[in-house]
Amino acid sequence: MTLRKSIPTDLPGAWRIILDAKRMMSESGRNQWTEEYPSYTQIEADIASGDAYVICDDDGTPHAYACITARPEPAYDCPNACWLNHGGYMVIHRLAVSAASRGRGLARMMLMYAEELCRRSGIGSIRIDTNHDNAEMLGLVSSLGYASCGMVSYGPRGERMAFEKLV
């Protein structure tokens, strides 16, 4: 498996991964992702901005997708979050693994790569948020040493648990 920056031809595969994750969340009664979010145009914009990453097999088929960006997240300005670092940070959004590749450590690989991007860029921390019932993500961030930093609000999309790791 190869982790790399996503390119425009990855869009169909990345979108299939997102649809898999939306379906799984919906079937398990979770409301973190909806019909409207994340959207196809959001994934397209992630790729166009250079902030999208994929983990692919040898033939180039994407098996995991994430947006990893140094752009500040407006929801993180929320007074209910107590961040560890008050300087620059990277954010992981829209992390998903294809249904066929779950349980293979690809989400962990993506988070560890994001930490490496921070180090190489001289950025002091990485942040992520997730729904209270996303057991897989909650377990993953805990196992990688992320600290709970409170809650952030996405308005009508709801509140999310916020985490940060100093790197």
C-alpha atoms as a PDB file:
ATOM      1  CA  MET A   1       0.000   0.000   0.000  1.00  0.00           C
ATOM      2  CA  THR A   2       1.174   3.495  -0.861  1.00  0.00           C
ATOM      3  CA  LEU A   3       0.100   6.690   0.895  1.00  0.00           C
ATOM      4  CA  ARG A   4       0.252   9.717  -1.393  1.00  0.00           C
ATOM      5  CA  LYS A   5      -1.322  13.032  -2.232  1.00  0.00           C
ATOM      6  CA  SER A   6      -4.538  12.486  -4.137  1.00  0.00           C
ATOM      7  CA  ILE A   7      -4.787  13.400  -7.804  1.00  0.00           C
ATOM      8  CA  PRO A   8      -7.901  14.189  -9.869  1.00  0.00           C
ATOM      9  CA  THR A   9      -8.153  10.658 -11.260  1.00  0.00           C
ATOM     10  CA  ASP A  10      -8.586   9.400  -7.664  1.00  0.00           C
ATOM     11  CA  LEU A  11     -11.914  11.217  -7.336  1.00  0.00           C
ATOM     12  CA  PRO A  12     -14.213   8.293  -8.311  1.00  0.00           C
ATOM     13  CA  GLY A  13     -12.421   5.905  -5.936  1.00  0.00           C
ATOM     14  CA  ALA A  14     -12.276   8.448  -3.123  1.00  0.00           C
ATOM     15  CA  TRP A  15     -15.987   9.131  -3.547  1.00  0.00           C
ATOM     16  CA  ARG A  16     -16.763   5.382  -3.343  1.00  0.00           C
ATOM     17  CA  ILE A  17     -14.855   5.260  -0.036  1.00  0.00           C
ATOM     18  CA  ILE A  18     -16.871   8.200   1.301  1.00  0.00           C
ATOM     19  CA  LEU A  19     -20.135   6.582   0.174  1.00  0.00           C
ATOM     20  CA  ASP A  20     -19.105   3.325   1.921  1.00  0.00           C
ATOM     21  CA  ALA A  21     -18.481   5.233   5.143  1.00  0.00           C
ATOM     22  CA  LYS A  22     -21.754   7.155   4.872  1.00  0.00           C
ATOM     23  CA  ARG A  23     -23.658   3.910   4.358  1.00  0.00           C
ATOM     24  CA  MET A  24     -21.942   2.228   7.302  1.00  0.00           C
ATOM     25  CA  MET A  25     -22.645   5.205   9.582  1.00  0.00           C
ATOM     26  CA  SER A  26     -26.271   5.343   8.500  1.00  0.00           C
ATOM     27  CA  GLU A  27     -26.786   1.592   8.968  1.00  0.00           C
ATOM     28  CA  SER A  28     -25.356   1.802  12.486  1.00  0.00           C
ATOM     29  CA  GLY A  29     -27.599   4.750  13.401  1.00  0.00           C
ATOM     30  CA  ARG A  30     -24.874   7.385  13.459  1.00  0.00           C
ATOM     31  CA  ASN A  31     -25.535  10.946  12.307  1.00  0.00           C
ATOM     32  CA  GLN A  32     -21.971  12.209  11.893  1.00  0.00           C
ATOM     33  CA  TRP A  33     -22.100  12.062   8.110  1.00  0.00           C
ATOM     34  CA  THR A  34     -25.294  12.749   6.221  1.00  0.00           C
ATOM     35  CA  GLU A  35     -26.622  12.709   2.680  1.00  0.00           C
ATOM     36  CA  GLU A  36     -25.310  16.276   2.324  1.00  0.00           C
ATOM     37  CA  TYR A  37     -21.953  15.934   4.113  1.00  0.00           C
ATOM     38  CA  PRO A  38     -19.418  15.200   2.947  1.00  0.00           C
ATOM     39  CA  SER A  39     -20.435  16.043  -0.585  1.00  0.00           C
ATOM     40  CA  TYR A  40     -18.904  15.044  -3.875  1.00  0.00           C
ATOM     41  CA  THR A  41     -17.965  18.693  -4.483  1.00  0.00           C
ATOM     42  CA  GLN A  42     -16.225  18.803  -1.075  1.00  0.00           C
ATOM     43  CA  ILE A  43     -14.077  15.792  -1.952  1.00  0.00           C
ATOM     44  CA  GLU A  44     -13.381  17.316  -5.370  1.00  0.00           C
ATOM     45  CA  ALA A  45     -12.331  20.582  -3.654  1.00  0.00           C
ATOM     46  CA  ASP A  46     -10.077  18.697  -1.198  1.00  0.00           C
ATOM     47  CA  ILE A  47      -8.260  17.103  -4.128  1.00  0.00           C
ATOM     48  CA  ALA A  48      -8.033  20.363  -6.098  1.00  0.00           C
ATOM     49  CA  SER A  49      -6.598  22.199  -3.077  1.00  0.00           C
ATOM     50  CA  GLY A  50      -3.838  19.619  -2.617  1.00  0.00           C
ATOM     51  CA  ASP A  51      -5.115  18.674   0.859  1.00  0.00           C
ATOM     52  CA  ALA A  52      -6.441  15.204  -0.021  1.00  0.00           C
ATOM     53  CA  TYR A  53      -4.495  11.998   0.569  1.00  0.00           C
ATOM     54  CA  VAL A  54      -5.179   8.411  -0.398  1.00  0.00           C
ATOM     55  CA  ILE A  55      -3.755   5.030   0.451  1.00  0.00           C
ATOM     56  CA  CYS A  56      -3.680   2.933  -2.720  1.00  0.00           C
ATOM     57  CA  ASP A  57      -2.829  -0.605  -3.655  1.00  0.00           C
ATOM     58  CA  ASP A  58      -0.299  -1.418  -6.376  1.00  0.00           C
ATOM     59  CA  ASP A  59      -2.750  -0.770  -9.213  1.00  0.00           C
ATOM     60  CA  GLY A  60      -3.588   2.699  -7.854  1.00  0.00           C
ATOM     61  CA  THR A  61      -7.020   1.852  -6.432  1.00  0.00           C
ATOM     62  CA  PRO A  62      -7.706   4.027  -3.345  1.00  0.00           C
ATOM     63  CA  HIS A  63      -8.561   2.160  -0.129  1.00  0.00           C
ATOM     64  CA  ALA A  64      -8.463   5.100   2.314  1.00  0.00           C
ATOM     65  CA  TYR A  65      -9.049   8.824   2.010  1.00  0.00           C
ATOM     66  CA  ALA A  66      -8.488  11.882   4.203  1.00  0.00           C
ATOM     67  CA  CYS A  67      -8.201  15.624   3.984  1.00  0.00           C
ATOM     68  CA  ILE A  68      -5.126  16.801   5.903  1.00  0.00           C
ATOM     69  CA  THR A  69      -4.818  20.561   5.931  1.00  0.00           C
ATOM     70  CA  ALA A  70      -3.029  23.417   7.681  1.00  0.00           C
ATOM     71  CA  ARG A  71      -6.006  25.682   7.008  1.00  0.00           C
ATOM     72  CA  PRO A  72      -7.614  26.719  10.307  1.00  0.00           C
ATOM     73  CA  GLU A  73     -10.990  25.162  11.057  1.00  0.00           C
ATOM     74  CA  PRO A  74     -13.497  27.893  12.057  1.00  0.00           C
ATOM     75  CA  ALA A  75     -15.410  25.476  14.317  1.00  0.00           C
ATOM     76  CA  TYR A  76     -12.243  25.123  16.399  1.00  0.00           C
ATOM     77  CA  ASP A  77     -12.535  28.743  17.572  1.00  0.00           C
ATOM     78  CA  CYS A  78     -15.335  27.511  19.840  1.00  0.00           C
ATOM     79  CA  PRO A  79     -14.991  28.572  23.506  1.00  0.00           C
ATOM     80  CA  ASN A  80     -15.929  25.037  24.602  1.00  0.00           C
ATOM     81  CA  ALA A  81     -12.640  23.612  23.340  1.00  0.00           C
ATOM     82  CA  CYS A  82      -9.482  23.800  25.469  1.00  0.00           C
ATOM     83  CA  TRP A  83      -6.691  23.265  22.964  1.00  0.00           C
ATOM     84  CA  LEU A  84      -3.178  22.231  23.989  1.00  0.00           C
ATOM     85  CA  ASN A  85      -1.464  24.411  21.385  1.00  0.00           C
ATOM     86  CA  HIS A  86      -2.441  27.974  20.575  1.00  0.00           C
ATOM     87  CA  GLY A  87      -0.232  28.251  17.494  1.00  0.00           C
ATOM     88  CA  GLY A  88      -0.533  26.649  14.080  1.00  0.00           C
ATOM     89  CA  TYR A  89      -2.058  23.218  13.692  1.00  0.00           C
ATOM     90  CA  MET A  90      -3.052  20.719  11.043  1.00  0.00           C
ATOM     91  CA  VAL A  91      -6.525  19.215  10.834  1.00  0.00           C
ATOM     92  CA  ILE A  92      -7.697  15.818   9.651  1.00  0.00           C
ATOM     93  CA  HIS A  93     -11.137  15.829   8.065  1.00  0.00           C
ATOM     94  CA  ARG A  94     -13.194  13.227   6.209  1.00  0.00           C
ATOM     95  CA  LEU A  95     -11.038  10.212   7.090  1.00  0.00           C
ATOM     96  CA  ALA A  96     -12.572   7.052   5.655  1.00  0.00           C
ATOM     97  CA  VAL A  97     -11.499   3.540   4.738  1.00  0.00           C
ATOM     98  CA  SER A  98     -13.193   1.382   2.099  1.00  0.00           C
ATOM     99  CA  ALA A  99     -15.493  -1.350   3.373  1.00  0.00           C
ATOM    100  CA  ALA A 100     -13.186  -4.029   1.950  1.00  0.00           C
ATOM    101  CA  SER A 101     -10.107  -2.619   3.707  1.00  0.00           C
ATOM    102  CA  ARG A 102     -11.391  -1.947   7.223  1.00  0.00           C
ATOM    103  CA  GLY A 103      -9.356  -3.502   9.993  1.00  0.00           C
ATOM    104  CA  ARG A 104      -6.059  -3.315   8.096  1.00  0.00           C
ATOM    105  CA  GLY A 105      -4.622  -0.301   9.959  1.00  0.00           C
ATOM    106  CA  LEU A 106      -5.092   2.195   7.120  1.00  0.00           C
ATOM    107  CA  ALA A 107      -6.730   4.865   9.296  1.00  0.00           C
ATOM    108  CA  ARG A 108      -3.830   4.564  11.752  1.00  0.00           C
ATOM    109  CA  MET A 109      -1.392   4.879   8.856  1.00  0.00           C
ATOM    110  CA  MET A 110      -3.162   8.062   7.703  1.00  0.00           C
ATOM    111  CA  LEU A 111      -3.049   9.643  11.173  1.00  0.00           C
ATOM    112  CA  MET A 112       0.618   8.785  11.620  1.00  0.00           C
ATOM    113  CA  TYR A 113       1.364  10.302   8.229  1.00  0.00           C
ATOM    114  CA  ALA A 114      -0.468  13.496   9.260  1.00  0.00           C
ATOM    115  CA  GLU A 115       1.770  13.697  12.330  1.00  0.00           C
ATOM    116  CA  GLU A 116       4.827  13.363  10.083  1.00  0.00           C
ATOM    117  CA  LEU A 117       3.495  16.157   7.845  1.00  0.00           C
ATOM    118  CA  CYS A 118       3.238  18.363  10.932  1.00  0.00           C
ATOM    119  CA  ARG A 119       6.811  17.638  11.953  1.00  0.00           C
ATOM    120  CA  ARG A 120       8.171  18.301   8.467  1.00  0.00           C
ATOM    121  CA  SER A 121       6.206  21.559   8.261  1.00  0.00           C
ATOM    122  CA  GLY A 122       7.221  22.756  11.722  1.00  0.00           C
ATOM    123  CA  ILE A 123       3.587  22.732  12.861  1.00  0.00           C
ATOM    124  CA  GLY A 124       3.167  21.975  16.562  1.00  0.00           C
ATOM    125  CA  SER A 125      -0.004  19.910  16.646  1.00  0.00           C
ATOM    126  CA  ILE A 126      -2.686  17.995  14.843  1.00  0.00           C
ATOM    127  CA  ARG A 127      -6.407  18.214  15.579  1.00  0.00           C
ATOM    128  CA  ILE A 128      -9.349  16.021  14.752  1.00  0.00           C
ATOM    129  CA  ASP A 129     -12.978  15.845  15.772  1.00  0.00           C
ATOM    130  CA  THR A 130     -15.513  13.073  15.704  1.00  0.00           C
ATOM    131  CA  ASN A 131     -19.000  12.144  16.814  1.00  0.00           C
ATOM    132  CA  HIS A 132     -19.561  10.755  20.318  1.00  0.00           C
ATOM    133  CA  ASP A 133     -20.642   7.409  18.865  1.00  0.00           C
ATOM    134  CA  ASN A 134     -17.779   6.882  16.404  1.00  0.00           C
ATOM    135  CA  ALA A 135     -16.200   4.089  18.441  1.00  0.00           C
ATOM    136  CA  GLU A 136     -13.559   3.279  15.810  1.00  0.00           C
ATOM    137  CA  MET A 137     -12.223   6.846  15.644  1.00  0.00           C
ATOM    138  CA  LEU A 138     -12.459   7.343  19.415  1.00  0.00           C
ATOM    139  CA  GLY A 139     -10.411   4.185  19.950  1.00  0.00           C
ATOM    140  CA  LEU A 140      -7.880   5.170  17.319  1.00  0.00           C
ATOM    141  CA  VAL A 141      -7.199   8.683  18.621  1.00  0.00           C
ATOM    142  CA  SER A 142      -6.942   7.337  22.167  1.00  0.00           C
ATOM    143  CA  SER A 143      -4.444   4.654  21.112  1.00  0.00           C
ATOM    144  CA  LEU A 144      -2.298   7.263  19.347  1.00  0.00           C
ATOM    145  CA  GLY A 145      -2.131   9.597  22.349  1.00  0.00           C
ATOM    146  CA  TYR A 146      -4.539  12.336  21.321  1.00  0.00           C
ATOM    147  CA  ALA A 147      -5.909  14.395  24.214  1.00  0.00           C
ATOM    148  CA  SER A 148      -9.597  15.190  24.593  1.00  0.00           C
ATOM    149  CA  CYS A 149     -10.020  18.964  24.295  1.00  0.00           C
ATOM    150  CA  GLY A 150     -13.780  19.435  24.701  1.00  0.00           C
ATOM    151  CA  MET A 151     -16.493  19.972  22.148  1.00  0.00           C
ATOM    152  CA  VAL A 152     -16.779  21.931  18.901  1.00  0.00           C
ATOM    153  CA  SER A 153     -19.969  22.850  17.093  1.00  0.00           C
ATOM    154  CA  TYR A 154     -20.785  22.513  13.420  1.00  0.00           C
ATOM    155  CA  GLY A 155     -24.142  24.235  13.818  1.00  0.00           C
ATOM    156  CA  PRO A 156     -26.964  22.184  12.294  1.00  0.00           C
ATOM    157  CA  ARG A 157     -24.559  19.246  11.776  1.00  0.00           C
ATOM    158  CA  GLY A 158     -24.138  19.019  15.564  1.00  0.00           C
ATOM    159  CA  GLU A 159     -21.395  18.975  18.121  1.00  0.00           C
ATOM    160  CA  ARG A 160     -18.275  16.875  17.872  1.00  0.00           C
ATOM    161  CA  MET A 161     -15.710  15.700  20.372  1.00  0.00           C
ATOM    162  CA  ALA A 162     -12.406  17.493  19.749  1.00  0.00           C
ATOM    163  CA  PHE A 163      -8.931  15.987  20.097  1.00  0.00           C
ATOM    164  CA  GLU A 164      -5.396  17.269  19.680  1.00  0.00           C
ATOM    165  CA  LYS A 165      -1.914  15.786  19.719  1.00  0.00           C
ATOM    166  CA  LEU A 166       1.293  17.739  20.103  1.00  0.00           C
ATOM    167  CA  VAL A 167       3.961  16.574  17.674  1.00  0.00           C
END
